[in-house]
Amino acid sequence: MTSTSDRLIAFLEEHSTEFLHNWRAKIVISEDDLYKEEILQNGLRMFRLVKRAIENPLSEEEIRALAFKTAQERVEAKVNISDFVYNVNIGKSEVIKWVSRSGIEWDALQPYLEEINSLFDRFSYLAVKQYTDIREEQLHEKELYIDQTHKERLTILGQMSSSFVHEFRNPLTSIIGFTKLLQHDHPHLPYLDIMQHELDQLNYRISQFLHVSRKEIIASKREEVPVSKLFGELIEFLYPSLLAGEVNTEVNIDEEIKITGNQDELRQVFLNLVMNSIDALQQVEGERKIEISSSIIDGEMSISICNNGPQIQQETINAIFEPFYTTKELGTGIGLFICKKLIEKHDGKIMCQSNMDRTTFSIQIPINAAVTP
């Protein structure tokens, strides 16, 4: 006497051509799919698994082989995984439809329908999980490649900087020294203050490259830093640039606020942010303003440097702290990267928010920053 499973398998084999034709007509296959012919073969392989599952429940290992093969092909074809899931569900619906038409009593069919459903569900789960794992591994490898590329670029930059500093900084130091002597001997000589300011700016830019390129660990001097005084000195230093750019400043920092950290490194961060604000404000018609404020909350100092310059788009905000990313025509793309590293060195964090009205760089640092190397 023929068993129910034998009758069901015989019925499916008899109608396999029609079943596969209907499935092929309904599924989604891109014309650019590298494995579009293999999709049909995979459908046939899945059909064979269905027939085997009707005879005996399949182990996960038996299902995994086809699931992993299909997942790898979907990744290589660069096809959205949702298309794959849709095609699998179409196949399951077609199989169940033909099983229900077999003429076998409904009660007798129930165990087989449950096994078929389980087969397709396990197949989908294994394939999607493998697809996701492969994609995540690819992204991880890409991130590692990007990180390695950055390291290589930084190494090259360090080698260039070493030669650059020896050839350029020594004469620059001499020029700065002679300019100061001229200022001392001829205090009323015009333009010397501008020359001194521009030379200091150039020296500062060279120092930025050194911060990125040098590999040796330099001990950070830890000291008490009066924040209000530090910003007062910065605004005085930048006065020629503020005046030339027609930029007004408003500084609201409590004179009692002091934090423990490296004063030179903090000065470099604040100087870079204010200089960036001055540059951004040159695109503004009308009032140009920089507002600097501070507060102490739960043992952390918060500094906000705001300007009413053009809005920074969110996709740019997500990248501005990355090395070598710049929107300036002659920018180096290392200023904000250095700022981020120096603030993190003080166990702090730096953020940027921007809208149509203002752009704000916010810095949070513990009052007693550790200043890790």
Protein backbone atom coordinates (compact mmCIF):
# COMPACT_ATOMS: atom_id res chain seq x y z
CA MET A 1 0.00 0.00 0.00
CA THR A 2 1.38 3.39 -1.04
CA SER A 3 2.12 5.67 1.90
CA THR A 4 0.83 9.26 2.14
CA SER A 5 4.35 10.62 1.72
CA ASP A 6 4.89 8.58 -1.45
CA ARG A 7 1.58 9.81 -2.89
CA LEU A 8 2.44 13.42 -2.08
CA ILE A 9 5.94 13.19 -3.59
CA ALA A 10 4.58 11.52 -6.72
CA PHE A 11 2.00 14.30 -7.12
CA LEU A 12 4.61 17.05 -6.75
CA GLU A 13 6.94 15.35 -9.25
CA GLU A 14 4.10 15.03 -11.72
CA HIS A 15 3.42 18.77 -11.53
CA SER A 16 7.01 19.96 -10.96
CA THR A 17 7.31 21.61 -14.39
CA GLU A 18 4.14 23.63 -13.88
CA PHE A 19 5.09 24.47 -10.30
CA LEU A 20 8.55 25.76 -11.28
CA HIS A 21 7.09 27.72 -14.21
CA ASN A 22 4.60 29.49 -11.93
CA TRP A 23 7.31 30.27 -9.39
CA ARG A 24 9.63 31.63 -12.10
CA ALA A 25 6.89 33.91 -13.44
CA LYS A 26 6.26 35.52 -10.05
CA ILE A 27 9.73 36.01 -8.54
CA VAL A 28 11.92 39.11 -8.80
CA ILE A 29 15.18 38.77 -10.76
CA SER A 30 17.29 41.74 -11.78
CA GLU A 31 18.67 41.76 -15.31
CA ASP A 32 22.03 42.72 -13.84
CA ASP A 33 22.06 39.81 -11.39
CA LEU A 34 25.29 37.85 -11.82
CA TYR A 35 23.53 34.68 -10.69
CA LYS A 36 20.15 35.03 -12.40
CA GLU A 37 20.46 31.59 -14.04
CA GLU A 38 21.61 30.07 -10.73
CA ILE A 39 18.46 31.40 -9.04
CA LEU A 40 16.41 28.92 -11.09
CA GLN A 41 18.77 26.09 -10.21
CA ASN A 42 18.54 27.02 -6.54
CA GLY A 43 14.75 26.89 -6.82
CA LEU A 44 15.04 23.38 -8.21
CA ARG A 45 17.41 22.40 -5.38
CA MET A 46 14.94 23.77 -2.83
CA PHE A 47 12.17 21.73 -4.48
CA ARG A 48 14.31 18.61 -4.00
CA LEU A 49 14.76 19.47 -0.33
CA VAL A 50 10.98 19.75 0.00
CA LYS A 51 10.54 16.22 -1.35
CA ARG A 52 13.22 14.89 1.00
CA ALA A 53 11.60 16.70 3.96
CA ILE A 54 8.30 14.97 3.13
CA GLU A 55 10.05 11.62 3.48
CA ASN A 56 12.02 12.48 6.64
CA PRO A 57 12.59 15.73 8.60
CA LEU A 58 15.85 17.37 7.49
CA SER A 59 18.72 18.30 9.81
CA GLU A 60 19.91 21.88 9.95
CA GLU A 61 23.19 20.89 8.30
CA GLU A 62 21.29 19.65 5.22
CA ILE A 63 19.49 22.98 4.91
CA ARG A 64 22.55 25.11 5.73
CA ALA A 65 24.53 24.06 2.64
CA LEU A 66 21.99 25.53 0.19
CA ALA A 67 21.24 28.52 2.48
CA PHE A 68 24.91 29.53 2.73
CA LYS A 69 25.48 29.04 -1.00
CA THR A 70 22.49 31.25 -1.81
CA ALA A 71 23.54 33.92 0.71
CA GLN A 72 27.03 34.13 -0.80
CA GLU A 73 25.57 34.55 -4.29
CA ARG A 74 23.16 37.28 -3.11
CA VAL A 75 26.08 39.20 -1.60
CA GLU A 76 28.20 38.89 -4.73
CA ALA A 77 25.24 39.89 -6.90
CA LYS A 78 24.81 43.04 -4.75
CA VAL A 79 21.08 42.34 -4.53
CA ASN A 80 18.83 43.58 -1.75
CA ILE A 81 18.14 40.69 0.63
CA SER A 82 14.44 41.62 0.67
CA ASP A 83 14.16 40.40 -2.95
CA PHE A 84 15.57 37.04 -1.89
CA VAL A 85 13.11 36.73 1.02
CA TYR A 86 10.25 37.61 -1.33
CA ASN A 87 11.28 34.91 -3.80
CA VAL A 88 11.52 32.31 -1.03
CA ASN A 89 8.05 33.19 0.23
CA ILE A 90 6.68 32.89 -3.31
CA GLY A 91 8.22 29.41 -3.50
CA LYS A 92 6.70 28.40 -0.17
CA SER A 93 3.25 29.63 -1.25
CA GLU A 94 3.46 27.72 -4.52
CA VAL A 95 4.53 24.48 -2.81
CA ILE A 96 1.75 24.71 -0.22
CA LYS A 97 -0.78 25.48 -2.95
CA TRP A 98 0.20 22.37 -4.91
CA VAL A 99 0.30 20.19 -1.79
CA SER A 100 -3.24 21.29 -0.92
CA ARG A 101 -4.35 20.24 -4.41
CA SER A 102 -2.94 16.72 -4.05
CA GLY A 103 -6.32 15.21 -3.15
CA ILE A 104 -4.96 13.83 0.11
CA GLU A 105 -7.16 14.25 3.18
CA TRP A 106 -6.52 17.50 5.03
CA ASP A 107 -5.78 15.84 8.36
CA ALA A 108 -3.21 13.61 6.74
CA LEU A 109 -1.56 16.61 5.07
CA GLN A 110 -1.09 18.67 8.26
CA PRO A 111 2.21 17.10 9.42
CA TYR A 112 3.70 17.59 5.94
CA LEU A 113 2.51 21.20 5.70
CA GLU A 114 4.11 21.92 9.06
CA GLU A 115 7.38 20.33 7.97
CA ILE A 116 7.37 22.30 4.68
CA ASN A 117 6.72 25.56 6.55
CA SER A 118 9.53 24.73 8.98
CA LEU A 119 11.90 23.96 6.10
CA PHE A 120 11.29 27.29 4.36
CA ASP A 121 11.47 29.26 7.62
CA ARG A 122 14.77 27.66 8.66
CA PHE A 123 16.17 28.11 5.16
CA SER A 124 15.26 31.83 5.14
CA TYR A 125 16.67 32.37 8.62
CA LEU A 126 20.00 30.68 7.84
CA ALA A 127 20.39 32.43 4.50
CA VAL A 128 19.53 35.91 5.81
CA LYS A 129 21.80 35.48 8.84
CA GLN A 130 24.68 34.34 6.66
CA TYR A 131 24.04 37.22 4.24
CA THR A 132 24.12 39.68 7.16
CA ASP A 133 27.28 38.15 8.60
CA ILE A 134 29.07 38.37 5.25
CA ARG A 135 27.99 41.99 4.71
CA GLU A 136 29.09 42.97 8.23
CA GLU A 137 32.45 41.30 7.68
CA GLN A 138 32.86 43.18 4.40
CA LEU A 139 32.05 46.48 6.14
CA HIS A 140 34.50 45.63 8.90
CA GLU A 141 37.22 44.89 6.34
CA LYS A 142 36.42 48.15 4.57
CA GLU A 143 36.71 50.08 7.84
CA LEU A 144 40.03 48.39 8.56
CA TYR A 145 41.23 49.31 5.08
CA ILE A 146 40.20 52.93 5.59
CA ASP A 147 41.93 53.00 8.99
CA GLN A 148 45.07 51.50 7.49
CA THR A 149 44.94 53.98 4.60
CA HIS A 150 44.73 56.84 7.09
CA LYS A 151 47.70 55.45 9.00
CA GLU A 152 49.71 55.17 5.81
CA ARG A 153 48.82 58.74 4.84
CA LEU A 154 49.76 59.94 8.30
CA THR A 155 53.09 58.11 8.05
CA ILE A 156 53.82 59.75 4.70
CA LEU A 157 52.76 63.10 6.14
CA GLY A 158 55.13 62.56 9.08
CA GLN A 159 58.03 61.87 6.73
CA MET A 160 57.22 64.97 4.69
CA SER A 161 56.81 67.09 7.81
CA SER A 162 60.21 66.06 9.16
CA SER A 163 61.94 67.36 6.05
CA PHE A 164 59.60 70.33 5.82
CA VAL A 165 60.29 71.47 9.39
CA HIS A 166 64.07 71.33 9.03
CA GLU A 167 64.00 73.27 5.78
CA PHE A 168 61.34 75.80 6.69
CA ARG A 169 60.96 76.27 10.43
CA ASN A 170 64.53 77.32 11.15
CA PRO A 171 64.45 80.36 8.82
CA LEU A 172 60.90 81.07 10.00
CA THR A 173 62.11 81.21 13.61
CA SER A 174 64.83 83.64 12.57
CA ILE A 175 62.31 85.86 10.78
CA ILE A 176 60.01 85.85 13.82
CA GLY A 177 62.96 86.76 16.07
CA PHE A 178 64.14 89.63 13.86
CA THR A 179 60.58 90.92 13.56
CA LYS A 180 60.34 91.11 17.35
CA LEU A 181 63.68 92.96 17.45
CA LEU A 182 62.35 95.45 14.91
CA GLN A 183 59.23 95.90 17.02
CA HIS A 184 61.41 96.59 20.04
CA ASP A 185 63.76 99.01 18.28
CA HIS A 186 61.12 100.66 16.08
CA PRO A 187 57.76 100.32 17.89
CA HIS A 188 56.07 102.81 15.58
CA LEU A 189 57.12 101.17 12.34
CA PRO A 190 53.86 100.37 10.44
CA TYR A 191 52.71 96.83 9.55
CA LEU A 192 55.09 95.05 11.96
CA ASP A 193 52.20 93.90 14.12
CA ILE A 194 50.48 92.43 11.06
CA MET A 195 53.69 90.70 9.98
CA GLN A 196 54.15 89.28 13.47
CA HIS A 197 50.56 88.01 13.51
CA GLU A 198 50.84 86.32 10.12
CA LEU A 199 54.16 84.71 11.05
CA ASP A 200 52.61 83.37 14.25
CA GLN A 201 49.73 81.95 12.20
CA LEU A 202 52.18 80.23 9.88
CA ASN A 203 54.08 78.82 12.84
CA TYR A 204 50.79 77.57 14.27
CA ARG A 205 49.93 75.75 11.03
CA ILE A 206 53.31 74.01 11.09
CA SER A 207 52.64 72.92 14.66
CA GLN A 208 49.36 71.39 13.51
CA PHE A 209 51.21 69.15 11.07
CA LEU A 210 53.61 68.14 13.80
CA HIS A 211 50.74 67.07 16.05
CA VAL A 212 49.54 64.67 13.34
CA SER A 213 52.85 63.40 12.05
CA ARG A 214 55.00 62.79 15.09
CA LYS A 215 54.92 59.30 16.56
CA GLU A 216 56.81 59.81 19.80
CA ILE A 217 54.79 60.12 23.00
CA ILE A 218 55.18 63.57 24.51
CA ALA A 219 54.27 63.95 28.15
CA SER A 220 51.42 66.39 28.71
CA LYS A 221 51.97 69.08 31.30
CA ARG A 222 49.09 69.08 33.75
CA GLU A 223 48.26 72.43 35.28
CA GLU A 224 45.39 74.60 36.47
CA VAL A 225 44.00 76.54 33.52
CA PRO A 226 41.96 79.74 34.04
CA VAL A 227 39.51 79.44 31.14
CA SER A 228 38.39 83.09 31.05
CA LYS A 229 41.99 84.33 30.91
CA LEU A 230 42.84 81.79 28.21
CA PHE A 231 40.04 83.03 25.95
CA GLY A 232 40.94 86.64 26.69
CA GLU A 233 44.45 85.99 25.39
CA LEU A 234 43.08 84.20 22.32
CA ILE A 235 40.73 87.04 21.39
CA GLU A 236 43.57 89.53 21.80
CA PHE A 237 45.84 87.38 19.64
CA LEU A 238 43.16 87.08 16.95
CA TYR A 239 42.17 90.74 17.07
CA PRO A 240 43.69 91.58 13.65
CA SER A 241 41.77 88.70 12.01
CA LEU A 242 38.54 89.65 13.81
CA LEU A 243 38.95 93.25 12.74
CA ALA A 244 39.75 92.37 9.11
CA GLY A 245 36.81 89.96 8.97
CA GLU A 246 34.43 92.43 10.63
CA VAL A 247 33.54 89.87 13.27
CA ASN A 248 32.12 90.80 16.68
CA THR A 249 32.77 88.56 19.68
CA GLU A 250 30.86 88.07 22.90
CA VAL A 251 32.62 86.10 25.63
CA ASN A 252 30.63 85.04 28.71
CA ILE A 253 32.90 82.89 30.85
CA ASP A 254 32.96 82.97 34.62
CA GLU A 255 36.37 84.23 35.73
CA GLU A 256 36.34 81.69 38.56
CA ILE A 257 36.20 78.69 36.21
CA LYS A 258 39.43 76.73 36.19
CA ILE A 259 40.14 73.25 34.93
CA THR A 260 43.12 70.96 35.30
CA GLY A 261 44.66 70.09 31.97
CA ASN A 262 47.29 70.96 29.42
CA GLN A 263 47.01 74.68 28.69
CA ASP A 264 48.89 74.61 25.38
CA GLU A 265 46.71 71.82 24.00
CA LEU A 266 43.48 73.46 25.13
CA ARG A 267 44.64 76.78 23.66
CA GLN A 268 45.23 75.05 20.32
CA VAL A 269 41.70 73.56 20.32
CA PHE A 270 39.97 76.85 21.17
CA LEU A 271 42.14 78.81 18.75
CA ASN A 272 41.32 76.43 15.89
CA LEU A 273 37.57 76.61 16.56
CA VAL A 274 37.52 80.41 16.73
CA MET A 275 39.62 80.69 13.56
CA ASN A 276 37.24 78.32 11.77
CA SER A 277 34.32 80.49 12.89
CA ILE A 278 36.01 83.59 11.49
CA ASP A 279 36.53 81.84 8.16
CA ALA A 280 32.90 80.62 8.03
CA LEU A 281 31.53 84.08 8.79
CA GLN A 282 33.18 85.53 5.68
CA GLN A 283 30.29 83.96 3.75
CA VAL A 284 27.75 86.01 5.71
CA GLU A 285 26.35 89.36 4.62
CA GLY A 286 25.51 91.68 7.50
CA GLU A 287 26.28 91.08 11.16
CA ARG A 288 28.99 88.51 11.89
CA LYS A 289 29.13 87.29 15.44
CA ILE A 290 30.93 84.71 17.58
CA GLU A 291 29.51 83.89 21.01
CA ILE A 292 31.57 81.98 23.57
CA SER A 293 29.99 80.77 26.81
CA SER A 294 30.63 78.22 29.52
CA SER A 295 28.96 76.35 32.36
CA ILE A 296 29.80 73.77 35.00
CA ILE A 297 27.50 70.74 35.34
CA ASP A 298 28.22 67.64 37.44
CA GLY A 299 31.96 68.21 37.57
CA GLU A 300 32.29 68.92 33.85
CA MET A 301 33.03 72.19 32.11
CA SER A 302 30.98 72.84 28.99
CA ILE A 303 32.28 75.37 26.45
CA SER A 304 30.14 76.53 23.50
CA ILE A 305 31.59 78.42 20.56
CA CYS A 306 28.74 79.64 18.33
CA ASN A 307 28.69 81.65 15.12
CA ASN A 308 25.91 82.84 12.85
CA GLY A 309 27.63 81.51 9.74
CA PRO A 310 26.16 79.22 7.06
CA GLN A 311 24.56 75.93 8.10
CA ILE A 312 26.70 72.80 8.06
CA GLN A 313 24.74 69.91 6.58
CA GLN A 314 24.32 66.78 8.71
CA GLU A 315 26.32 64.55 6.34
CA THR A 316 29.22 67.01 6.64
CA ILE A 317 28.94 67.15 10.44
CA ASN A 318 29.30 63.37 10.49
CA ALA A 319 32.66 63.65 8.71
CA ILE A 320 34.30 66.92 9.80
CA PHE A 321 36.25 65.33 12.66
CA GLU A 322 37.79 62.73 10.32
CA PRO A 323 41.40 63.27 9.18
CA PHE A 324 41.89 64.94 5.79
CA TYR A 325 38.22 65.87 5.42
CA THR A 326 37.81 69.52 4.52
CA THR A 327 35.34 71.79 2.73
CA LYS A 328 37.88 74.60 2.37
CA GLU A 329 39.57 75.12 -0.96
CA LEU A 330 43.01 75.28 0.65
CA GLY A 331 42.20 73.36 3.84
CA THR A 332 44.34 70.51 5.16
CA GLY A 333 41.53 68.61 6.87
CA ILE A 334 43.51 68.04 10.07
CA GLY A 335 42.44 70.94 12.30
CA LEU A 336 39.23 69.45 13.70
CA PHE A 337 40.77 65.99 13.74
CA ILE A 338 43.48 67.32 16.06
CA CYS A 339 40.88 69.13 18.18
CA LYS A 340 38.96 65.90 18.67
CA LYS A 341 42.10 63.95 19.61
CA LEU A 342 43.25 66.59 22.10
CA ILE A 343 39.85 66.84 23.77
CA GLU A 344 39.60 63.05 24.01
CA LYS A 345 43.08 63.13 25.52
CA HIS A 346 41.52 65.22 28.30
CA ASP A 347 38.76 62.59 28.74
CA GLY A 348 36.32 64.97 27.06
CA LYS A 349 34.22 65.09 23.93
CA ILE A 350 33.54 67.58 21.18
CA MET A 351 30.32 67.89 19.17
CA CYS A 352 28.86 70.08 16.46
CA GLN A 353 25.28 71.19 15.86
CA SER A 354 24.14 73.45 13.04
CA ASN A 355 20.94 75.01 11.75
CA MET A 356 19.92 77.97 9.62
CA ASP A 357 20.59 80.42 12.47
CA ARG A 358 23.80 79.26 14.06
CA THR A 359 26.55 76.66 14.21
CA THR A 360 27.74 75.55 17.64
CA PHE A 361 30.81 73.59 18.62
CA SER A 362 30.38 72.20 22.13
CA ILE A 363 33.18 70.84 24.28
CA GLN A 364 32.75 68.96 27.53
CA ILE A 365 35.78 68.30 29.74
CA PRO A 366 36.02 67.07 33.33
CA ILE A 367 37.25 69.89 35.59
CA ASN A 368 40.06 67.62 36.73
CA ALA A 369 40.96 66.15 33.34
CA ALA A 370 43.35 63.20 33.44
CA VAL A 371 45.29 64.22 30.29
CA THR A 372 46.20 60.76 29.05
CA PRO A 373 49.12 60.42 26.58
